[in-house]
C-alpha cells in the first residue's frame, strides 16, 4: 500500500508542478515529488519480489529496465509533440501525472480483486465433496 500511495502522490505532484506560480510553491511540490519518487524506487524491488517471486527476480528486473528504457526514450518525444500541438508543456505534465496515478490505482485494485476472488473460491470449495476411487475398489 505504501508503493501505491507513493505512486499516486508522485502523479499528483507531477500534475501540480505545472500549476506552481511561486518559488516556495514549486519547492514544496518538488520536495514531496522527490520523496514520493524515492519511496517508489525504494519499494520497487520489494513489490516486484512479491509479485513474481525471488526465483524470477532477475528476469523481472530486466523487463522492468526495458520498460523504463522505452519510457525514457519515448517520453521526451511525446512531450515535444504535445508542446507542438498545444503550445505549452502543461499537457505533458498532465499526461505523465495521469499515467502515474493510473498505475497506482491499478496496483490498488489488484489486491482487492485477489482478496475478493480468494474469498469466493474458498467459500465455494468448502461445499464440495470429493470422492476418489482407488483401483482396488475402495473409496476415499
N, C-alpha and C. Protein backbone atom coordinates (compact mmCIF):
# COMPACT_ATOMS: atom_id res chain seq x y z
N UNK A 1 0.82 -1.20 0.00
CA UNK A 1 0.00 0.00 0.00
C UNK A 1 0.87 1.27 0.00
N UNK A 2 2.07 1.18 0.61
CA UNK A 2 2.96 2.34 0.58
C UNK A 2 3.40 2.64 -0.85
N UNK A 3 3.66 1.60 -1.61
CA UNK A 3 4.08 1.77 -3.00
C UNK A 3 2.95 2.43 -3.81
N UNK A 4 1.75 1.98 -3.59
CA UNK A 4 0.59 2.55 -4.30
C UNK A 4 0.42 4.02 -3.92
N UNK A 5 0.49 4.32 -2.63
CA UNK A 5 0.32 5.71 -2.18
C UNK A 5 1.43 6.60 -2.73
N UNK A 6 2.66 6.10 -2.76
CA UNK A 6 3.77 6.88 -3.29
C UNK A 6 3.61 7.12 -4.78
N UNK A 7 3.12 6.13 -5.51
CA UNK A 7 2.90 6.28 -6.95
C UNK A 7 1.82 7.33 -7.23
N UNK A 8 0.74 7.29 -6.48
CA UNK A 8 -0.34 8.26 -6.67
C UNK A 8 0.14 9.66 -6.27
N UNK A 9 0.88 9.76 -5.15
CA UNK A 9 1.41 11.06 -4.72
C UNK A 9 2.38 11.63 -5.75
N UNK A 10 3.18 10.78 -6.36
CA UNK A 10 4.11 11.22 -7.39
C UNK A 10 3.34 11.78 -8.59
N UNK A 11 2.27 11.12 -8.99
CA UNK A 11 1.45 11.61 -10.09
C UNK A 11 0.80 12.94 -9.77
N UNK A 12 0.31 13.09 -8.55
CA UNK A 12 -0.31 14.36 -8.15
C UNK A 12 0.73 15.48 -8.16
N UNK A 13 1.93 15.20 -7.65
CA UNK A 13 2.99 16.21 -7.67
C UNK A 13 3.38 16.58 -9.10
N UNK A 14 3.38 15.61 -9.98
CA UNK A 14 3.72 15.88 -11.38
C UNK A 14 2.68 16.80 -12.03
N UNK A 15 1.42 16.59 -11.71
CA UNK A 15 0.36 17.46 -12.23
C UNK A 15 0.47 18.85 -11.61
N UNK A 16 0.73 18.90 -10.31
CA UNK A 16 0.78 20.19 -9.61
C UNK A 16 1.99 21.03 -10.00
N UNK A 17 3.08 20.40 -10.41
CA UNK A 17 4.28 21.17 -10.73
C UNK A 17 4.03 22.08 -11.94
N UNK A 18 3.11 21.71 -12.79
CA UNK A 18 2.80 22.58 -13.93
C UNK A 18 1.92 23.76 -13.53
N UNK A 19 1.36 23.71 -12.32
CA UNK A 19 0.49 24.78 -11.84
C UNK A 19 1.18 25.70 -10.84
N UNK A 20 2.44 25.45 -10.53
CA UNK A 20 3.11 26.25 -9.49
C UNK A 20 3.44 27.64 -10.02
N UNK A 21 3.24 28.64 -9.17
CA UNK A 21 3.46 30.03 -9.57
C UNK A 21 4.56 30.71 -8.78
N UNK A 22 4.79 30.28 -7.56
CA UNK A 22 5.83 30.90 -6.75
C UNK A 22 6.96 29.92 -6.50
N UNK A 23 8.09 30.45 -6.13
CA UNK A 23 9.25 29.61 -5.85
C UNK A 23 8.99 28.68 -4.67
N UNK A 24 8.33 29.19 -3.65
CA UNK A 24 8.02 28.37 -2.46
C UNK A 24 7.08 27.24 -2.82
N UNK A 25 6.06 27.54 -3.58
CA UNK A 25 5.10 26.52 -4.02
C UNK A 25 5.81 25.44 -4.83
N UNK A 26 6.65 25.86 -5.75
CA UNK A 26 7.41 24.94 -6.60
C UNK A 26 8.35 24.07 -5.76
N UNK A 27 9.01 24.67 -4.77
CA UNK A 27 9.94 23.94 -3.90
C UNK A 27 9.22 22.88 -3.08
N UNK A 28 8.08 23.22 -2.52
CA UNK A 28 7.32 22.27 -1.70
C UNK A 28 6.84 21.09 -2.56
N UNK A 29 6.35 21.38 -3.76
CA UNK A 29 5.87 20.31 -4.64
C UNK A 29 7.02 19.40 -5.05
N UNK A 30 8.17 20.00 -5.38
CA UNK A 30 9.33 19.18 -5.77
C UNK A 30 9.87 18.37 -4.60
N UNK A 31 9.79 18.90 -3.39
CA UNK A 31 10.22 18.14 -2.22
C UNK A 31 9.36 16.88 -2.06
N UNK A 32 8.05 17.06 -2.09
CA UNK A 32 7.16 15.90 -1.93
C UNK A 32 7.23 14.97 -3.14
N UNK A 33 7.44 15.52 -4.33
CA UNK A 33 7.62 14.68 -5.51
C UNK A 33 8.88 13.83 -5.41
N UNK A 34 9.97 14.43 -4.95
CA UNK A 34 11.21 13.67 -4.76
C UNK A 34 11.08 12.62 -3.68
N UNK A 35 10.39 12.96 -2.62
CA UNK A 35 10.16 11.99 -1.54
C UNK A 35 9.33 10.81 -2.05
N UNK A 36 8.31 11.11 -2.83
CA UNK A 36 7.46 10.06 -3.40
C UNK A 36 8.25 9.19 -4.38
N UNK A 37 9.06 9.82 -5.21
CA UNK A 37 9.86 9.07 -6.18
C UNK A 37 10.87 8.18 -5.47
N UNK A 38 11.47 8.68 -4.38
CA UNK A 38 12.39 7.86 -3.59
C UNK A 38 11.69 6.66 -2.98
N UNK A 39 10.47 6.85 -2.52
CA UNK A 39 9.70 5.73 -1.97
C UNK A 39 9.37 4.71 -3.04
N UNK A 40 9.02 5.19 -4.23
CA UNK A 40 8.71 4.28 -5.34
C UNK A 40 9.95 3.45 -5.68
N UNK A 41 11.10 4.09 -5.81
CA UNK A 41 12.32 3.36 -6.15
C UNK A 41 12.75 2.42 -5.03
N UNK A 42 12.59 2.87 -3.78
CA UNK A 42 12.98 2.03 -2.65
C UNK A 42 12.13 0.79 -2.50
N UNK A 43 10.87 0.89 -2.82
CA UNK A 43 9.95 -0.24 -2.65
C UNK A 43 9.81 -1.09 -3.91
N UNK A 44 10.44 -0.68 -4.99
CA UNK A 44 10.25 -1.35 -6.27
C UNK A 44 10.68 -2.81 -6.23
N UNK A 45 11.84 -3.10 -5.70
CA UNK A 45 12.34 -4.48 -5.66
C UNK A 45 11.48 -5.33 -4.73
N UNK A 46 11.03 -4.75 -3.64
CA UNK A 46 10.19 -5.49 -2.69
C UNK A 46 8.86 -5.88 -3.34
N UNK A 47 8.24 -4.92 -4.01
CA UNK A 47 6.96 -5.20 -4.67
C UNK A 47 7.15 -6.19 -5.81
N UNK A 48 8.22 -6.03 -6.57
CA UNK A 48 8.49 -6.95 -7.67
C UNK A 48 8.71 -8.37 -7.16
N UNK A 49 9.43 -8.52 -6.05
CA UNK A 49 9.64 -9.84 -5.46
C UNK A 49 8.33 -10.45 -5.00
N UNK A 50 7.45 -9.64 -4.42
CA UNK A 50 6.14 -10.14 -4.00
C UNK A 50 5.30 -10.59 -5.20
N UNK A 51 5.42 -9.88 -6.32
CA UNK A 51 4.59 -10.21 -7.48
C UNK A 51 5.09 -11.43 -8.24
N UNK A 52 6.40 -11.54 -8.46
CA UNK A 52 6.90 -12.62 -9.32
C UNK A 52 7.73 -13.66 -8.58
N UNK A 53 8.09 -13.42 -7.33
CA UNK A 53 8.85 -14.37 -6.55
C UNK A 53 10.35 -14.14 -6.70
N UNK A 54 11.11 -14.63 -5.72
CA UNK A 54 12.56 -14.39 -5.75
C UNK A 54 13.29 -15.17 -6.86
N UNK A 55 12.70 -16.27 -7.34
CA UNK A 55 13.35 -17.05 -8.38
C UNK A 55 13.40 -16.30 -9.70
N UNK A 56 12.42 -15.47 -9.98
CA UNK A 56 12.33 -14.76 -11.26
C UNK A 56 12.70 -13.29 -11.12
N UNK A 57 13.38 -12.92 -10.05
CA UNK A 57 13.68 -11.52 -9.81
C UNK A 57 14.59 -10.93 -10.89
N UNK A 58 15.56 -11.70 -11.35
CA UNK A 58 16.46 -11.21 -12.40
C UNK A 58 15.72 -10.91 -13.69
N UNK A 59 14.85 -11.82 -14.10
CA UNK A 59 14.05 -11.59 -15.30
C UNK A 59 13.11 -10.40 -15.12
N UNK A 60 12.49 -10.31 -13.96
CA UNK A 60 11.58 -9.21 -13.69
C UNK A 60 12.28 -7.86 -13.73
N UNK A 61 13.49 -7.78 -13.15
CA UNK A 61 14.24 -6.53 -13.20
C UNK A 61 14.66 -6.20 -14.63
N UNK A 62 14.97 -7.21 -15.41
CA UNK A 62 15.32 -6.97 -16.81
C UNK A 62 14.15 -6.39 -17.59
N UNK A 63 12.98 -6.96 -17.43
CA UNK A 63 11.79 -6.43 -18.11
C UNK A 63 11.43 -5.04 -17.59
N UNK A 64 11.65 -4.83 -16.30
CA UNK A 64 11.38 -3.52 -15.72
C UNK A 64 12.31 -2.46 -16.31
N UNK A 65 13.58 -2.80 -16.45
CA UNK A 65 14.53 -1.85 -17.06
C UNK A 65 14.20 -1.62 -18.53
N UNK A 66 13.72 -2.65 -19.21
CA UNK A 66 13.32 -2.49 -20.60
C UNK A 66 12.15 -1.50 -20.71
N UNK A 67 11.15 -1.67 -19.85
CA UNK A 67 10.00 -0.76 -19.90
C UNK A 67 10.41 0.66 -19.49
N UNK A 68 11.31 0.80 -18.53
CA UNK A 68 11.81 2.13 -18.16
C UNK A 68 12.56 2.76 -19.32
N UNK A 69 13.34 1.97 -20.04
CA UNK A 69 14.07 2.49 -21.20
C UNK A 69 13.14 2.96 -22.30
N UNK A 70 12.08 2.20 -22.54
CA UNK A 70 11.10 2.62 -23.56
C UNK A 70 10.45 3.92 -23.15
N UNK A 71 10.10 4.06 -21.87
CA UNK A 71 9.51 5.30 -21.38
C UNK A 71 10.48 6.47 -21.46
N UNK A 72 11.74 6.23 -21.11
CA UNK A 72 12.74 7.30 -21.16
C UNK A 72 13.04 7.71 -22.61
N UNK A 73 12.92 6.77 -23.52
CA UNK A 73 13.18 7.06 -24.93
C UNK A 73 12.00 7.78 -25.59
N UNK A 74 10.79 7.35 -25.28
CA UNK A 74 9.62 7.91 -25.95
C UNK A 74 9.01 9.10 -25.22
N UNK A 75 9.27 9.25 -23.91
CA UNK A 75 8.67 10.33 -23.13
C UNK A 75 9.02 11.74 -23.62
N UNK A 76 10.30 12.04 -23.81
CA UNK A 76 10.63 13.39 -24.30
C UNK A 76 10.06 13.68 -25.70
N UNK A 77 10.05 12.68 -26.55
CA UNK A 77 9.48 12.89 -27.89
C UNK A 77 7.98 13.15 -27.80
N UNK A 78 7.28 12.43 -26.95
CA UNK A 78 5.85 12.65 -26.77
C UNK A 78 5.58 14.02 -26.15
N UNK A 79 6.42 14.42 -25.18
CA UNK A 79 6.26 15.75 -24.58
C UNK A 79 6.50 16.84 -25.61
N UNK A 80 7.48 16.66 -26.48
CA UNK A 80 7.73 17.64 -27.54
C UNK A 80 6.57 17.72 -28.52
N UNK A 81 6.02 16.56 -28.85
CA UNK A 81 4.86 16.55 -29.74
C UNK A 81 3.67 17.27 -29.11
N UNK A 82 3.41 17.00 -27.83
CA UNK A 82 2.31 17.68 -27.15
C UNK A 82 2.55 19.18 -27.06
N UNK A 83 3.81 19.59 -26.91
CA UNK A 83 4.13 21.01 -26.88
C UNK A 83 3.85 21.65 -28.25
N UNK A 84 4.20 20.94 -29.31
CA UNK A 84 3.93 21.47 -30.65
C UNK A 84 2.44 21.57 -30.94
N UNK A 85 1.68 20.62 -30.45
CA UNK A 85 0.24 20.61 -30.70
C UNK A 85 -0.49 21.65 -29.85
N UNK A 86 -0.15 21.71 -28.54
CA UNK A 86 -0.89 22.58 -27.63
C UNK A 86 -0.23 23.94 -27.41
N UNK A 87 1.07 24.05 -27.65
CA UNK A 87 1.76 25.32 -27.46
C UNK A 87 2.46 25.47 -26.12
N UNK A 88 2.25 24.53 -25.19
CA UNK A 88 2.96 24.57 -23.91
C UNK A 88 3.18 23.15 -23.40
N UNK A 89 3.95 23.05 -22.32
CA UNK A 89 4.30 21.73 -21.78
C UNK A 89 3.32 21.26 -20.70
N UNK A 90 2.30 22.00 -20.41
CA UNK A 90 1.36 21.64 -19.34
C UNK A 90 0.70 20.29 -19.62
N UNK A 91 0.32 20.04 -20.86
CA UNK A 91 -0.33 18.77 -21.19
C UNK A 91 0.61 17.59 -21.00
N UNK A 92 1.91 17.79 -21.20
CA UNK A 92 2.88 16.71 -20.97
C UNK A 92 2.94 16.36 -19.49
N UNK A 93 2.91 17.38 -18.62
CA UNK A 93 2.89 17.12 -17.18
C UNK A 93 1.59 16.43 -16.77
N UNK A 94 0.47 16.84 -17.36
CA UNK A 94 -0.80 16.18 -17.07
C UNK A 94 -0.77 14.72 -17.49
N UNK A 95 -0.23 14.44 -18.65
CA UNK A 95 -0.15 13.06 -19.14
C UNK A 95 0.73 12.20 -18.24
N UNK A 96 1.90 12.73 -17.88
CA UNK A 96 2.81 11.98 -17.01
C UNK A 96 2.18 11.73 -15.64
N UNK A 97 1.54 12.75 -15.09
CA UNK A 97 0.88 12.58 -13.79
C UNK A 97 -0.28 11.61 -13.86
N UNK A 98 -1.06 11.68 -14.93
CA UNK A 98 -2.19 10.76 -15.09
C UNK A 98 -1.71 9.33 -15.24
N UNK A 99 -0.60 9.12 -15.93
CA UNK A 99 -0.07 7.75 -16.07
C UNK A 99 0.38 7.20 -14.73
N UNK A 100 1.02 8.02 -13.92
CA UNK A 100 1.46 7.56 -12.60
C UNK A 100 0.28 7.30 -11.67
N UNK A 101 -0.71 8.16 -11.71
CA UNK A 101 -1.91 7.96 -10.88
C UNK A 101 -2.65 6.70 -11.33
N UNK A 102 -2.77 6.51 -12.64
CA UNK A 102 -3.45 5.31 -13.14
C UNK A 102 -2.71 4.05 -12.73
N UNK A 103 -1.38 4.07 -12.78
CA UNK A 103 -0.60 2.90 -12.36
C UNK A 103 -0.83 2.60 -10.88
N UNK A 104 -0.87 3.65 -10.06
CA UNK A 104 -1.13 3.44 -8.65
C UNK A 104 -2.52 2.89 -8.38
N UNK A 105 -3.51 3.39 -9.11
CA UNK A 105 -4.88 2.89 -8.92
C UNK A 105 -5.02 1.45 -9.37
N UNK A 106 -4.35 1.09 -10.46
CA UNK A 106 -4.38 -0.30 -10.91
C UNK A 106 -3.72 -1.20 -9.87
N UNK A 107 -2.60 -0.76 -9.32
CA UNK A 107 -1.93 -1.56 -8.28
C UNK A 107 -2.78 -1.65 -7.02
N UNK A 108 -3.64 -0.67 -6.78
CA UNK A 108 -4.53 -0.72 -5.63
C UNK A 108 -5.66 -1.71 -5.86
N UNK A 109 -6.15 -1.81 -7.08
CA UNK A 109 -7.29 -2.66 -7.38
C UNK A 109 -6.90 -4.14 -7.38
N UNK A 110 -5.69 -4.46 -7.79
CA UNK A 110 -5.27 -5.87 -7.92
C UNK A 110 -5.38 -6.63 -6.59
N UNK A 111 -4.84 -6.15 -5.46
CA UNK A 111 -5.00 -6.91 -4.21
C UNK A 111 -6.46 -7.03 -3.77
N UNK A 112 -7.25 -6.00 -4.03
CA UNK A 112 -8.66 -6.06 -3.65
C UNK A 112 -9.36 -7.16 -4.44
N UNK A 113 -9.10 -7.24 -5.74
CA UNK A 113 -9.72 -8.28 -6.56
C UNK A 113 -9.22 -9.66 -6.17
N UNK A 114 -7.92 -9.79 -5.86
CA UNK A 114 -7.38 -11.08 -5.43
C UNK A 114 -8.03 -11.53 -4.13
N UNK A 115 -8.20 -10.59 -3.20
CA UNK A 115 -8.83 -10.92 -1.93
C UNK A 115 -10.28 -11.35 -2.13
N UNK A 116 -10.99 -10.66 -3.00
CA UNK A 116 -12.38 -10.99 -3.29
C UNK A 116 -12.49 -12.37 -3.95
N UNK A 117 -11.64 -12.64 -4.95
CA UNK A 117 -11.71 -13.93 -5.63
C UNK A 117 -11.25 -15.06 -4.73
N UNK A 118 -10.29 -14.79 -3.83
CA UNK A 118 -9.83 -15.82 -2.91
C UNK A 118 -10.93 -16.20 -1.92
N UNK A 119 -11.64 -15.19 -1.41
CA UNK A 119 -12.75 -15.48 -0.50
C UNK A 119 -13.86 -16.24 -1.21
N UNK A 120 -14.13 -15.86 -2.45
CA UNK A 120 -15.20 -16.51 -3.20
C UNK A 120 -14.84 -17.97 -3.50
N UNK A 121 -13.59 -18.21 -3.91
CA UNK A 121 -13.19 -19.59 -4.22
C UNK A 121 -13.09 -20.42 -2.95
N UNK A 122 -12.67 -19.81 -1.83
CA UNK A 122 -12.58 -20.54 -0.58
C UNK A 122 -13.97 -20.95 -0.09
N UNK A 123 -14.94 -20.05 -0.25
CA UNK A 123 -16.30 -20.35 0.15
C UNK A 123 -16.87 -21.48 -0.71
N UNK A 124 -16.59 -21.48 -1.99
CA UNK A 124 -17.12 -22.50 -2.89
C UNK A 124 -16.50 -23.86 -2.65
N UNK A 125 -15.23 -23.92 -2.25
CA UNK A 125 -14.57 -25.20 -2.05
C UNK A 125 -15.05 -25.91 -0.79
N UNK A 126 -15.53 -25.18 0.19
CA UNK A 126 -15.97 -25.83 1.41
C UNK A 126 -17.26 -26.63 1.20
N UNK A 127 -18.01 -26.33 0.16
CA UNK A 127 -19.26 -27.03 -0.11
C UNK A 127 -19.08 -28.24 -1.02
N UNK A 128 -17.88 -28.47 -1.51
CA UNK A 128 -17.64 -29.53 -2.48
C UNK A 128 -17.11 -30.76 -1.77
N UNK A 129 -17.68 -31.91 -2.09
CA UNK A 129 -17.19 -33.18 -1.57
C UNK A 129 -16.51 -33.92 -2.70
N UNK A 130 -15.30 -34.40 -2.45
CA UNK A 130 -14.54 -35.09 -3.48
C UNK A 130 -14.41 -36.55 -3.08
N UNK A 131 -14.75 -37.43 -4.00
CA UNK A 131 -14.63 -38.87 -3.78
C UNK A 131 -13.61 -39.42 -4.77
N UNK A 132 -12.64 -40.15 -4.23
CA UNK A 132 -11.61 -40.75 -5.08
C UNK A 132 -11.75 -42.27 -4.98
N UNK A 133 -11.83 -42.91 -6.12
CA UNK A 133 -11.95 -44.37 -6.12
C UNK A 133 -10.60 -44.94 -6.52
N UNK A 134 -10.07 -45.79 -5.63
CA UNK A 134 -8.78 -46.43 -5.83
C UNK A 134 -9.02 -47.70 -6.65
N UNK A 135 -8.04 -48.12 -7.48
CA UNK A 135 -8.26 -49.28 -8.34
C UNK A 135 -8.70 -50.56 -7.63
N UNK A 136 -8.43 -50.74 -6.33
CA UNK A 136 -8.87 -51.97 -5.66
C UNK A 136 -10.32 -51.87 -5.20
N UNK A 137 -11.03 -50.79 -5.54
CA UNK A 137 -12.46 -50.67 -5.27
C UNK A 137 -12.80 -49.88 -4.02
N UNK A 138 -11.83 -49.49 -3.21
CA UNK A 138 -12.14 -48.71 -2.02
C UNK A 138 -12.34 -47.24 -2.40
N UNK A 139 -13.18 -46.58 -1.63
CA UNK A 139 -13.43 -45.16 -1.88
C UNK A 139 -12.86 -44.34 -0.75
N UNK A 140 -12.22 -43.26 -1.11
CA UNK A 140 -11.61 -42.39 -0.11
C UNK A 140 -12.33 -41.07 -0.10
